[in-house]
Amino acid sequence: MAGIYIHVPFCKRICSYCDFYKSTLTAIIPEYIPAVKRELELRRTYLQNESIDTVYFGGGTPSLMSSEQIEDIIDRIKSLYPVSDDCEITVEANPDDLTAGYLSELSRTHVNRLSIGIQSFNDRDLQVLNRRHNALQALVSIEQARRAGFRNISIDLIYGIPGMTNDEWYRNLITVPEVEHISAYHLTVEPGTALFRKVREGLLVVPVEDESYAQFFTLRKFAEDRKMIHYEISNLAKEGYYSTHNTAYWQRKKYLGVGPSAHSYDQRSRQWNIRDIREYIEKVNVGFPAYESEELSEADHFNEYLMVSLRTIWGADQDVILGKFGPAFYSRLLKSVSPYLNSGHIIHEGGFYKMTAPGWLISDLILAHLIT
């Protein structure tokens, strides 16, 4: 199993919290599509002919592309790679792009999953985040996606927004219509963003730690009430609707990232594309590499395994650690994990080490102690 990620780095407006590579140069999208198709061709051996079970258009704002442009890229993938019959093909979208007409056109492509960037059903939150849609458009976009025939819909939500109380977060959650998947992220104030500058200047105040913790457990209760499985720190799903694409990342499957700033992984090394659209287009069009890479050491592989596996309900398998990394790495883990087993932040169950909900709350701190 392998995946392909297509980065679409175009936005009409830059959100205040976003630190992904993006650009408002939407006029060059017609130049960008052939470059993506060219990179797919240049790197067709990277995944070593493994079956493609997931294709993901992320951004940026992939819904700024027409359905024809999206299908053009999918067709190129299908012509170059062994795509499975049940391949999950996801497109990230902004609510205000999802008109009835656009959704009708998109439903006639091979796209079978939508990831809608709602972020909040509260207009004040959306203004803080500098989103270009409002709460009503968010609700309408989900309804119209259903009418267009989409049966696998994920939405993004953000909590820990400046000014957000736990009660407001709860009202956000109970507003969510029936969807198959929810990605709910605690807001991270990234250096260099407009949000960071406002927080630094005292114009916005982020919630205190206790409030953030309360919002996380409100999310947990919501998942239980909706009979959704909280299968990863930031992801909830109905049974059978886990994100194939993200799960492949957490299980360290191979994936190819296409487009400026996209990352790739072949289980030996990591690669990352240059972070400049025009330079990317120029290099790819003449057949030059548009990426850098690094070989991963055994310690790198071990650390990555812990970092991704402990984010999930499945946890880290002691048999995998012993078989793949050996007794020395397992011995180190036993020493470093002991305090968290005693505190209840990690449990050892059926041969797997798993973080509990309180462990997920401080996962960054725990992982900093566990990695070698």
Protein backbone atom coordinates (compact mmCIF):
# COMPACT_ATOMS: atom_id res chain seq x y z
CA MET A 1 0.00 0.00 0.00
CA ALA A 2 1.22 3.50 -0.85
CA GLY A 3 -0.18 7.00 -1.16
CA ILE A 4 0.16 10.11 -3.29
CA TYR A 5 -0.22 13.62 -1.88
CA ILE A 6 -0.77 16.56 -4.26
CA HIS A 7 -0.03 19.93 -2.69
CA VAL A 8 -2.15 22.75 -4.13
CA PRO A 9 -0.52 25.86 -2.61
CA PHE A 10 -3.07 28.44 -3.72
CA CYS A 11 -5.38 30.54 -1.54
CA LYS A 12 -7.62 33.52 -2.20
CA ARG A 13 -6.91 34.75 1.32
CA ILE A 14 -4.22 33.82 3.86
CA CYS A 15 -5.64 32.52 7.14
CA SER A 16 -4.15 34.15 10.23
CA TYR A 17 -2.95 30.87 11.78
CA CYS A 18 -1.59 29.00 8.73
CA ASP A 19 2.12 28.33 8.30
CA PHE A 20 1.86 25.88 5.37
CA TYR A 21 3.47 26.95 2.11
CA LYS A 22 0.86 28.86 0.11
CA SER A 23 0.44 31.73 -2.34
CA THR A 24 -2.33 34.01 -3.55
CA LEU A 25 -0.99 33.78 -7.15
CA THR A 26 -4.05 31.87 -8.29
CA ALA A 27 -3.58 33.09 -11.88
CA ILE A 28 -0.74 30.59 -12.36
CA ILE A 29 -2.86 27.52 -11.58
CA PRO A 30 -3.04 26.70 -15.35
CA GLU A 31 0.79 26.63 -15.39
CA TYR A 32 0.89 24.58 -12.22
CA ILE A 33 -1.23 21.65 -13.43
CA PRO A 34 1.20 20.54 -16.19
CA ALA A 35 4.11 20.80 -13.73
CA VAL A 36 2.32 18.47 -11.28
CA LYS A 37 1.66 16.01 -14.08
CA ARG A 38 5.30 16.24 -15.14
CA GLU A 39 6.57 15.53 -11.60
CA LEU A 40 4.24 12.53 -11.36
CA GLU A 41 5.89 11.22 -14.51
CA LEU A 42 9.47 12.01 -13.43
CA ARG A 43 9.01 10.20 -10.10
CA ARG A 44 6.90 7.27 -11.22
CA THR A 45 9.45 4.72 -9.94
CA TYR A 46 9.67 6.23 -6.45
CA LEU A 47 6.95 4.02 -4.94
CA GLN A 48 8.39 0.89 -6.59
CA ASN A 49 5.13 -0.10 -8.27
CA GLU A 50 3.24 -0.47 -5.00
CA SER A 51 -0.53 -0.26 -5.17
CA ILE A 52 -1.87 3.27 -4.67
CA ASP A 53 -4.65 3.12 -2.09
CA THR A 54 -4.97 6.83 -1.38
CA VAL A 55 -4.65 10.08 -3.31
CA TYR A 56 -5.01 13.31 -1.36
CA PHE A 57 -5.30 16.84 -2.74
CA GLY A 58 -4.26 19.15 0.12
CA GLY A 59 -3.39 22.77 0.42
CA GLY A 60 -3.68 25.59 0.25
CA THR A 61 -7.11 25.33 -1.29
CA PRO A 62 -7.53 22.49 -3.83
CA SER A 63 -11.14 23.55 -4.42
CA LEU A 64 -9.77 26.57 -6.31
CA MET A 65 -9.04 24.10 -9.11
CA SER A 66 -11.83 23.17 -11.47
CA SER A 67 -13.22 19.65 -11.41
CA GLU A 68 -11.67 19.16 -14.87
CA GLN A 69 -8.22 20.13 -13.57
CA ILE A 70 -8.56 17.75 -10.62
CA GLU A 71 -9.69 14.90 -12.85
CA ASP A 72 -6.84 15.65 -15.27
CA ILE A 73 -4.33 15.03 -12.47
CA ILE A 74 -6.17 11.89 -11.33
CA ASP A 75 -6.13 10.56 -14.90
CA ARG A 76 -2.37 11.12 -15.08
CA ILE A 77 -1.91 9.24 -11.79
CA LYS A 78 -3.99 6.35 -13.10
CA SER A 79 -1.95 6.22 -16.29
CA LEU A 80 1.38 6.05 -14.43
CA TYR A 81 0.67 4.16 -11.19
CA PRO A 82 -1.18 0.96 -10.20
CA VAL A 83 -4.21 2.56 -8.53
CA SER A 84 -6.43 0.18 -6.56
CA ASP A 85 -10.11 -0.11 -7.45
CA ASP A 86 -11.19 1.16 -4.03
CA CYS A 87 -8.60 3.95 -3.82
CA GLU A 88 -9.62 6.73 -1.44
CA ILE A 89 -9.38 10.03 -3.37
CA THR A 90 -9.81 13.09 -1.16
CA VAL A 91 -10.05 16.77 -2.03
CA GLU A 92 -9.75 19.46 0.62
CA ALA A 93 -12.24 22.27 0.05
CA ASN A 94 -13.32 25.62 1.44
CA PRO A 95 -17.05 25.88 2.18
CA ASP A 96 -17.61 28.92 -0.05
CA ASP A 97 -16.16 27.05 -3.05
CA LEU A 98 -18.67 24.22 -2.69
CA THR A 99 -21.52 25.57 -4.74
CA ALA A 100 -24.17 23.16 -5.97
CA GLY A 101 -22.76 23.43 -9.49
CA TYR A 102 -19.16 22.77 -8.46
CA LEU A 103 -20.18 19.80 -6.30
CA SER A 104 -22.27 18.34 -9.11
CA GLU A 105 -19.25 18.51 -11.42
CA LEU A 106 -16.89 17.11 -8.77
CA SER A 107 -19.24 14.18 -8.09
CA ARG A 108 -18.72 13.06 -11.69
CA THR A 109 -14.96 12.73 -11.20
CA HIS A 110 -13.09 9.95 -9.37
CA VAL A 111 -13.11 12.00 -6.14
CA ASN A 112 -14.93 9.97 -3.48
CA ARG A 113 -14.10 11.85 -0.27
CA LEU A 114 -14.35 15.52 0.72
CA SER A 115 -12.44 17.21 3.53
CA ILE A 116 -14.16 20.52 4.21
CA GLY A 117 -12.24 23.22 6.08
CA ILE A 118 -15.03 24.40 8.37
CA GLN A 119 -12.79 25.30 11.38
CA SER A 120 -15.72 26.77 13.31
CA PHE A 121 -19.47 27.29 13.19
CA ASN A 122 -19.02 30.57 15.06
CA ASP A 123 -18.62 33.72 12.95
CA ARG A 124 -16.44 35.42 15.56
CA ASP A 125 -13.98 32.51 15.49
CA LEU A 126 -13.91 32.60 11.71
CA GLN A 127 -13.06 36.30 11.76
CA VAL A 128 -10.21 35.69 14.24
CA LEU A 129 -8.86 32.99 11.91
CA ASN A 130 -9.38 35.24 8.84
CA ARG A 131 -11.44 32.58 7.08
CA ARG A 132 -13.32 33.65 3.96
CA HIS A 133 -16.58 31.84 4.73
CA ASN A 134 -19.19 32.28 7.43
CA ALA A 135 -21.00 29.79 9.66
CA LEU A 136 -24.07 29.55 7.42
CA GLN A 137 -21.92 28.78 4.37
CA ALA A 138 -20.22 26.04 6.39
CA LEU A 139 -23.53 24.31 7.13
CA VAL A 140 -24.82 24.75 3.60
CA SER A 141 -21.64 23.28 2.10
CA ILE A 142 -22.12 20.01 4.01
CA GLU A 143 -25.79 19.82 3.05
CA GLN A 144 -25.02 20.46 -0.62
CA ALA A 145 -22.22 17.88 -0.63
CA ARG A 146 -24.74 15.30 0.56
CA ARG A 147 -27.20 16.32 -2.14
CA ALA A 148 -24.43 15.94 -4.73
CA GLY A 149 -23.98 12.32 -3.64
CA PHE A 150 -20.87 12.42 -1.44
CA ARG A 151 -21.09 9.70 1.20
CA ASN A 152 -17.67 10.16 2.80
CA ILE A 153 -17.34 13.65 4.25
CA SER A 154 -14.73 14.87 6.71
CA ILE A 155 -14.67 18.30 8.29
CA ASP A 156 -11.88 20.22 10.01
CA LEU A 157 -12.53 22.02 13.30
CA ILE A 158 -10.22 24.06 15.52
CA TYR A 159 -10.45 24.55 19.28
CA GLY A 160 -8.28 26.61 21.60
CA ILE A 161 -9.09 29.71 19.54
CA PRO A 162 -8.48 33.05 21.31
CA GLY A 163 -11.70 34.01 23.11
CA MET A 164 -13.26 30.54 22.78
CA THR A 165 -14.78 29.14 25.98
CA ASN A 166 -15.55 25.48 26.61
CA ASP A 167 -19.28 26.24 26.34
CA GLU A 168 -18.72 27.83 22.91
CA TRP A 169 -16.67 24.84 21.81
CA TYR A 170 -19.50 22.54 22.92
CA ARG A 171 -22.01 24.60 20.92
CA ASN A 172 -19.67 24.29 17.94
CA LEU A 173 -19.65 20.52 18.24
CA ILE A 174 -23.38 20.02 18.65
CA THR A 175 -23.87 22.11 15.50
CA VAL A 176 -21.97 19.53 13.45
CA PRO A 177 -24.32 17.67 11.06
CA GLU A 178 -23.87 13.92 10.57
CA VAL A 179 -20.50 13.41 8.92
CA GLU A 180 -18.25 10.37 8.66
CA HIS A 181 -15.05 11.95 9.93
CA ILE A 182 -13.89 14.95 11.96
CA SER A 183 -10.36 16.31 12.27
CA ALA A 184 -10.32 18.52 15.36
CA TYR A 185 -7.07 20.34 16.04
CA HIS A 186 -6.02 22.47 18.96
CA LEU A 187 -4.90 25.79 17.55
CA THR A 188 -1.13 26.20 17.41
CA VAL A 189 0.12 29.78 17.29
CA GLU A 190 2.95 29.43 14.78
CA PRO A 191 5.77 32.01 14.64
CA GLY A 192 5.61 34.18 11.55
CA THR A 193 1.83 34.09 11.22
CA ALA A 194 -0.53 37.05 11.59
CA LEU A 195 -2.09 35.32 14.59
CA PHE A 196 1.31 35.05 16.29
CA ARG A 197 1.86 38.78 15.90
CA LYS A 198 -1.53 39.61 17.39
CA VAL A 199 -0.99 37.32 20.37
CA ARG A 200 2.50 38.73 20.93
CA GLU A 201 1.12 42.28 20.86
CA GLY A 202 -1.63 41.38 23.34
CA LEU A 203 -4.45 41.93 20.85
CA LEU A 204 -5.59 38.32 21.25
CA VAL A 205 -5.30 36.01 24.25
CA VAL A 206 -5.11 32.23 23.84
CA PRO A 207 -7.02 30.02 26.30
CA VAL A 208 -5.19 28.99 29.46
CA GLU A 209 -4.04 25.39 29.81
CA ASP A 210 -7.00 24.27 31.95
CA GLU A 211 -9.43 25.64 29.37
CA SER A 212 -7.63 23.79 26.57
CA TYR A 213 -7.77 20.57 28.57
CA ALA A 214 -11.50 21.06 29.17
CA GLN A 215 -12.08 21.55 25.45
CA PHE A 216 -10.17 18.36 24.66
CA PHE A 217 -12.33 16.31 27.03
CA THR A 218 -15.46 17.95 25.63
CA LEU A 219 -14.31 16.63 22.25
CA ARG A 220 -13.88 13.15 23.79
CA LYS A 221 -17.40 13.23 25.23
CA PHE A 222 -18.81 14.41 21.91
CA ALA A 223 -17.13 11.48 20.13
CA GLU A 224 -18.70 9.08 22.62
CA ASP A 225 -22.14 10.64 22.23
CA ARG A 226 -21.94 10.53 18.42
CA LYS A 227 -20.60 6.96 18.49
CA MET A 228 -17.45 8.10 16.72
CA ILE A 229 -14.07 6.54 17.45
CA HIS A 230 -11.37 8.92 18.66
CA TYR A 231 -8.71 6.95 16.80
CA GLU A 232 -5.91 9.53 16.77
CA ILE A 233 -5.18 12.59 18.87
CA SER A 234 -6.92 14.93 16.44
CA ASN A 235 -9.19 12.58 14.49
CA LEU A 236 -12.63 11.03 15.06
CA ALA A 237 -14.47 8.73 12.69
CA LYS A 238 -17.44 6.47 12.36
CA GLU A 239 -16.55 2.78 12.16
CA GLY A 240 -15.13 2.05 8.71
CA TYR A 241 -14.35 5.68 7.90
CA TYR A 242 -10.84 6.21 9.23
CA SER A 243 -8.80 8.37 6.87
CA THR A 244 -6.87 5.91 4.72
CA HIS A 245 -4.42 8.64 3.80
CA ASN A 246 -3.57 9.83 7.30
CA THR A 247 -3.53 6.28 8.65
CA ALA A 248 -0.89 5.45 6.03
CA TYR A 249 1.27 8.27 7.48
CA TRP A 250 0.83 6.97 11.03
CA GLN A 251 1.64 3.42 9.92
CA ARG A 252 4.71 4.67 8.03
CA LYS A 253 3.63 3.45 4.59
CA LYS A 254 5.33 4.82 1.50
CA TYR A 255 4.00 8.02 -0.01
CA LEU A 256 4.94 10.43 -2.76
CA GLY A 257 4.42 14.16 -2.24
CA VAL A 258 4.00 16.26 -5.37
CA GLY A 259 4.11 20.05 -5.59
CA PRO A 260 6.16 22.76 -3.85
CA SER A 261 7.00 21.95 -0.19
CA ALA A 262 5.46 18.46 -0.42
CA HIS A 263 7.23 15.67 1.49
CA SER A 264 7.84 12.07 0.39
CA TYR A 265 8.85 8.91 2.24
CA ASP A 266 10.01 5.56 0.81
CA GLN A 267 10.83 3.83 4.14
CA ARG A 268 14.52 4.58 3.63
CA SER A 269 14.71 8.34 3.28
CA ARG A 270 12.63 11.50 3.39
CA GLN A 271 12.44 14.03 0.62
CA TRP A 272 11.00 17.52 0.52
CA ASN A 273 10.29 19.69 -2.48
CA ILE A 274 11.46 23.28 -2.78
CA ARG A 275 9.13 25.93 -1.31
CA ASP A 276 8.76 28.21 -4.34
CA ILE A 277 6.03 27.75 -6.94
CA ARG A 278 7.79 29.40 -9.86
CA GLU A 279 11.12 27.69 -9.20
CA TYR A 280 9.28 24.38 -8.79
CA ILE A 281 7.52 24.79 -12.14
CA GLU A 282 10.74 25.78 -13.91
CA LYS A 283 12.78 22.87 -12.54
CA VAL A 284 10.15 20.21 -13.06
CA ASN A 285 9.39 21.33 -16.61
CA VAL A 286 13.03 20.81 -17.65
CA GLY A 287 13.31 17.52 -15.78
CA PHE A 288 15.55 18.70 -12.93
CA PRO A 289 15.08 17.45 -9.34
CA ALA A 290 12.94 19.87 -7.35
CA TYR A 291 13.66 18.29 -3.98
CA GLU A 292 16.22 17.62 -1.27
CA SER A 293 16.52 14.42 0.72
CA GLU A 294 18.05 12.77 3.77
CA GLU A 295 18.77 9.14 4.60
CA LEU A 296 17.21 8.04 7.89
CA SER A 297 19.29 6.34 10.56
CA GLU A 298 18.02 3.43 12.63
CA ALA A 299 17.44 5.86 15.51
CA ASP A 300 15.48 8.15 13.18
CA HIS A 301 13.24 5.25 12.16
CA PHE A 302 12.70 4.23 15.79
CA ASN A 303 11.88 7.77 16.90
CA GLU A 304 9.44 8.25 14.04
CA TYR A 305 7.76 4.93 14.81
CA LEU A 306 7.16 6.01 18.41
CA MET A 307 6.02 9.51 17.44
CA VAL A 308 3.38 8.36 14.97
CA SER A 309 2.20 5.12 16.59
CA LEU A 310 1.61 6.65 20.02
CA ARG A 311 -0.67 9.26 18.43
CA THR A 312 -3.15 6.48 17.62
CA ILE A 313 -5.40 4.10 19.55
CA TRP A 314 -3.32 1.19 18.24
CA GLY A 315 -0.13 2.33 19.93
CA ALA A 316 3.42 0.98 19.61
CA ASP A 317 3.83 -2.77 19.17
CA GLN A 318 6.58 -4.27 21.34
CA ASP A 319 7.03 -7.13 18.82
CA VAL A 320 7.65 -4.61 16.04
CA ILE A 321 10.16 -2.76 18.22
CA LEU A 322 12.02 -5.97 19.11
CA GLY A 323 11.87 -7.42 15.60
CA LYS A 324 12.63 -4.30 13.61
CA PHE A 325 14.84 -2.29 15.96
CA GLY A 326 16.21 -4.89 18.37
CA PRO A 327 16.63 -5.38 22.14
CA ALA A 328 18.82 -2.31 22.66
CA PHE A 329 16.11 0.10 21.48
CA TYR A 330 13.45 -1.78 23.40
CA SER A 331 15.55 -1.63 26.57
CA ARG A 332 15.86 2.15 26.20
CA LEU A 333 12.11 2.43 25.76
CA LEU A 334 11.46 0.38 28.90
CA LYS A 335 13.55 2.79 30.96
CA SER A 336 12.09 5.99 29.52
CA VAL A 337 8.45 4.84 29.50
CA SER A 338 8.40 3.66 33.13
CA PRO A 339 7.41 7.03 34.72
CA TYR A 340 4.48 7.38 32.31
CA LEU A 341 3.27 3.84 32.99
CA ASN A 342 3.31 4.67 36.70
CA SER A 343 1.47 7.97 36.19
CA GLY A 344 -1.17 6.43 33.91
CA HIS A 345 -0.27 8.52 30.87
CA ILE A 346 0.72 5.34 29.01
CA ILE A 347 -0.61 1.80 29.42
CA HIS A 348 0.93 -1.52 28.36
CA GLU A 349 -1.86 -3.72 27.05
CA GLY A 350 -1.66 -6.90 24.98
CA GLY A 351 1.89 -6.18 23.93
CA PHE A 352 1.15 -2.59 22.88
CA TYR A 353 2.15 0.68 24.50
CA LYS A 354 -0.70 3.17 24.22
CA MET A 355 -1.18 6.72 25.40
CA THR A 356 -4.28 7.35 27.49
CA ALA A 357 -6.36 10.50 26.96
CA PRO A 358 -4.37 12.38 29.66
CA GLY A 359 -1.23 11.19 27.88
CA TRP A 360 -2.41 12.61 24.57
CA LEU A 361 -2.85 15.96 26.30
CA ILE A 362 0.89 16.12 27.04
CA SER A 363 2.05 13.97 24.14
CA ASP A 364 4.75 16.43 22.99
CA LEU A 365 6.34 16.38 26.43
CA ILE A 366 6.17 12.57 26.69
CA LEU A 367 7.58 11.99 23.22
CA ALA A 368 10.46 14.37 23.90
CA HIS A 369 11.43 12.04 26.78
CA LEU A 370 10.87 8.78 24.88
CA ILE A 371 12.79 9.40 21.68
CA THR A 372 16.45 8.45 21.68
